[in-house]
N, C-alpha and C. Protein backbone atom coordinates (compact mmCIF):
# COMPACT_ATOMS: atom_id res chain seq x y z
N MET A 1 17.19 9.58 31.02
CA MET A 1 17.54 10.36 29.85
C MET A 1 16.29 10.56 29.01
N THR A 2 16.12 11.78 28.56
CA THR A 2 14.95 12.12 27.75
C THR A 2 15.36 12.25 26.29
N ILE A 3 14.58 11.63 25.42
CA ILE A 3 14.79 11.77 23.98
C ILE A 3 13.65 12.63 23.43
N GLU A 4 14.02 13.77 22.87
CA GLU A 4 13.02 14.67 22.29
C GLU A 4 12.66 14.18 20.89
N ARG A 5 11.37 14.13 20.61
CA ARG A 5 10.88 13.72 19.28
C ARG A 5 10.19 14.92 18.68
N THR A 6 10.74 15.40 17.54
CA THR A 6 10.21 16.59 16.90
C THR A 6 9.77 16.28 15.47
N PRO A 7 8.48 16.36 15.17
CA PRO A 7 8.03 16.16 13.79
C PRO A 7 8.60 17.25 12.88
N LEU A 8 9.05 16.86 11.72
CA LEU A 8 9.54 17.80 10.71
C LEU A 8 8.62 17.66 9.50
N PRO A 9 7.57 18.47 9.42
CA PRO A 9 6.57 18.33 8.36
C PRO A 9 7.21 18.28 6.97
N GLY A 10 6.79 17.27 6.21
CA GLY A 10 7.30 17.11 4.86
C GLY A 10 8.68 16.47 4.79
N ILE A 11 9.30 16.22 5.95
CA ILE A 11 10.66 15.66 5.98
C ILE A 11 10.68 14.33 6.72
N GLY A 12 10.24 14.36 7.97
CA GLY A 12 10.27 13.16 8.80
C GLY A 12 10.22 13.52 10.26
N VAL A 13 11.08 12.88 11.07
CA VAL A 13 11.10 13.09 12.52
C VAL A 13 12.55 13.24 12.98
N ARG A 14 12.76 14.19 13.91
CA ARG A 14 14.08 14.36 14.52
C ARG A 14 14.02 13.86 15.95
N HIS A 15 14.95 12.97 16.31
CA HIS A 15 15.08 12.46 17.67
C HIS A 15 16.39 13.03 18.22
N THR A 16 16.32 13.69 19.40
CA THR A 16 17.50 14.33 19.96
C THR A 16 17.62 14.01 21.44
N LEU A 17 18.86 13.77 21.88
CA LEU A 17 19.13 13.59 23.30
C LEU A 17 20.31 14.46 23.70
N THR A 18 20.38 14.78 24.97
CA THR A 18 21.49 15.56 25.50
C THR A 18 22.30 14.67 26.42
N THR A 19 23.60 14.58 26.18
CA THR A 19 24.48 13.73 26.99
C THR A 19 24.76 14.40 28.34
N GLU A 20 25.36 13.65 29.25
CA GLU A 20 25.72 14.19 30.56
C GLU A 20 26.70 15.35 30.42
N GLN A 21 27.48 15.38 29.34
CA GLN A 21 28.44 16.45 29.10
C GLN A 21 27.80 17.66 28.43
N GLY A 22 26.49 17.59 28.19
CA GLY A 22 25.78 18.71 27.58
C GLY A 22 25.81 18.74 26.07
N ARG A 23 26.31 17.68 25.44
CA ARG A 23 26.32 17.61 23.97
C ARG A 23 24.98 17.10 23.49
N ARG A 24 24.50 17.66 22.39
CA ARG A 24 23.24 17.20 21.80
C ARG A 24 23.56 16.31 20.61
N ILE A 25 22.94 15.13 20.62
CA ILE A 25 23.12 14.14 19.55
C ILE A 25 21.73 13.81 19.02
N GLY A 26 21.61 13.69 17.72
CA GLY A 26 20.30 13.40 17.17
C GLY A 26 20.34 12.60 15.89
N VAL A 27 19.16 12.15 15.52
CA VAL A 27 18.96 11.41 14.28
C VAL A 27 17.73 11.99 13.60
N ILE A 28 17.88 12.30 12.33
CA ILE A 28 16.72 12.69 11.52
C ILE A 28 16.33 11.46 10.71
N GLU A 29 15.09 11.02 10.92
CA GLU A 29 14.55 9.85 10.21
C GLU A 29 13.63 10.38 9.12
N TYR A 30 14.01 10.18 7.88
CA TYR A 30 13.24 10.72 6.75
C TYR A 30 12.02 9.86 6.44
N GLN A 31 10.96 10.50 5.94
CA GLN A 31 9.71 9.80 5.63
C GLN A 31 9.91 8.66 4.65
N ALA A 32 10.82 8.83 3.70
CA ALA A 32 11.05 7.79 2.70
C ALA A 32 11.54 6.51 3.36
N GLY A 33 12.14 6.62 4.56
CA GLY A 33 12.54 5.44 5.32
C GLY A 33 13.86 4.83 4.93
N ASP A 34 14.53 5.38 3.93
CA ASP A 34 15.79 4.78 3.48
C ASP A 34 17.00 5.62 3.84
N ARG A 35 16.81 6.64 4.67
CA ARG A 35 17.91 7.54 5.00
C ARG A 35 17.79 8.02 6.44
N ARG A 36 18.93 8.12 7.11
CA ARG A 36 19.02 8.67 8.46
C ARG A 36 20.20 9.63 8.47
N ASP A 37 20.02 10.79 9.08
CA ASP A 37 21.13 11.71 9.30
C ASP A 37 21.41 11.73 10.79
N VAL A 38 22.67 11.47 11.15
CA VAL A 38 23.11 11.54 12.53
C VAL A 38 23.84 12.86 12.69
N PHE A 39 23.54 13.59 13.77
CA PHE A 39 24.21 14.87 13.95
C PHE A 39 24.55 15.10 15.42
N HIS A 40 25.51 15.98 15.64
CA HIS A 40 25.81 16.43 17.00
C HIS A 40 26.24 17.88 16.91
N ASP A 41 26.03 18.58 18.01
CA ASP A 41 26.37 19.99 18.01
C ASP A 41 27.81 20.21 18.46
N ASP A 42 28.29 21.41 18.27
CA ASP A 42 29.61 21.82 18.72
C ASP A 42 29.39 22.79 19.87
N PRO A 43 29.70 22.39 21.12
CA PRO A 43 29.42 23.26 22.25
C PRO A 43 30.18 24.59 22.21
N ASP A 44 31.27 24.64 21.46
CA ASP A 44 32.04 25.87 21.34
C ASP A 44 31.51 26.80 20.27
N ASP A 45 30.59 26.31 19.44
CA ASP A 45 30.01 27.10 18.36
C ASP A 45 28.51 26.83 18.31
N PRO A 46 27.69 27.72 18.88
CA PRO A 46 26.25 27.48 18.94
C PRO A 46 25.59 27.26 17.58
N ASP A 47 26.20 27.78 16.53
CA ASP A 47 25.64 27.59 15.19
C ASP A 47 26.26 26.40 14.47
N GLY A 48 27.24 25.77 15.09
CA GLY A 48 27.95 24.66 14.44
C GLY A 48 27.30 23.32 14.71
N MET A 49 27.20 22.51 13.68
CA MET A 49 26.63 21.19 13.79
C MET A 49 27.33 20.30 12.77
N VAL A 50 27.65 19.09 13.17
CA VAL A 50 28.28 18.12 12.28
C VAL A 50 27.27 17.02 12.01
N SER A 51 27.13 16.63 10.74
CA SER A 51 26.17 15.58 10.43
C SER A 51 26.78 14.52 9.53
N LEU A 52 26.15 13.37 9.53
CA LEU A 52 26.58 12.22 8.75
C LEU A 52 25.34 11.55 8.20
N CYS A 53 25.28 11.36 6.89
CA CYS A 53 24.13 10.73 6.25
C CYS A 53 24.36 9.22 6.16
N LEU A 54 23.40 8.43 6.63
CA LEU A 54 23.50 6.98 6.62
C LEU A 54 22.30 6.36 5.91
N THR A 55 22.53 5.27 5.20
CA THR A 55 21.42 4.49 4.65
C THR A 55 20.82 3.68 5.79
N ARG A 56 19.67 3.06 5.55
CA ARG A 56 19.03 2.23 6.58
C ARG A 56 19.99 1.12 7.02
N THR A 57 20.67 0.48 6.08
CA THR A 57 21.60 -0.60 6.40
C THR A 57 22.76 -0.10 7.25
N GLU A 58 23.30 1.07 6.90
CA GLU A 58 24.39 1.65 7.67
C GLU A 58 23.94 2.03 9.08
N ALA A 59 22.72 2.59 9.19
CA ALA A 59 22.18 2.96 10.50
C ALA A 59 22.00 1.73 11.38
N THR A 60 21.53 0.63 10.80
CA THR A 60 21.36 -0.61 11.53
C THR A 60 22.71 -1.15 12.00
N ALA A 61 23.71 -1.09 11.13
CA ALA A 61 25.06 -1.56 11.49
C ALA A 61 25.63 -0.71 12.64
N LEU A 62 25.45 0.60 12.58
CA LEU A 62 25.93 1.48 13.64
C LEU A 62 25.22 1.17 14.96
N ALA A 63 23.91 0.98 14.90
CA ALA A 63 23.15 0.64 16.11
C ALA A 63 23.67 -0.65 16.73
N ASN A 64 23.98 -1.64 15.89
CA ASN A 64 24.53 -2.90 16.40
C ASN A 64 25.89 -2.68 17.04
N LEU A 65 26.72 -1.83 16.46
CA LEU A 65 28.03 -1.53 17.04
C LEU A 65 27.89 -0.85 18.40
N LEU A 66 26.84 -0.05 18.56
CA LEU A 66 26.60 0.64 19.82
C LEU A 66 25.93 -0.24 20.86
N GLY A 67 25.60 -1.48 20.47
CA GLY A 67 25.04 -2.43 21.42
C GLY A 67 23.54 -2.53 21.44
N PHE A 68 22.86 -2.02 20.42
CA PHE A 68 21.41 -2.12 20.36
C PHE A 68 21.02 -3.33 19.54
N PRO A 69 20.03 -4.09 20.01
CA PRO A 69 19.58 -5.24 19.21
C PRO A 69 18.87 -4.76 17.95
N GLU A 70 18.97 -5.56 16.93
CA GLU A 70 18.27 -5.24 15.69
C GLU A 70 16.78 -5.47 15.86
N LEU A 71 15.98 -4.51 15.47
CA LEU A 71 14.54 -4.65 15.53
C LEU A 71 14.04 -5.18 14.20
N VAL A 72 13.22 -6.20 14.26
CA VAL A 72 12.69 -6.80 13.04
C VAL A 72 11.17 -6.71 13.08
N ALA A 73 10.59 -6.19 12.00
CA ALA A 73 9.13 -6.10 11.93
C ALA A 73 8.54 -7.49 11.73
N VAL A 74 7.49 -7.76 12.49
CA VAL A 74 6.80 -9.03 12.38
C VAL A 74 5.47 -8.77 11.68
N PRO A 75 5.21 -9.48 10.56
CA PRO A 75 3.93 -9.28 9.85
C PRO A 75 2.75 -9.62 10.76
N ALA A 76 1.69 -8.85 10.63
CA ALA A 76 0.49 -9.06 11.47
C ALA A 76 -0.30 -10.26 10.99
């Protein structure tokens, strides 16, 4: 599976993947670091997109629910 990483100048970075069913799911990670937007497209409406705004804490909780380990920064 390929995850596309697209810089959004002045905003942050968009990470997008396409599922086996052809649905596109993505996360916009804002430069401020305290907000993530999760979105997916509507295959029946090329212009339609549904999004959900999450705080860093909410994004971490969702990642844990999906089975991803929590990443912790280690000071150098």
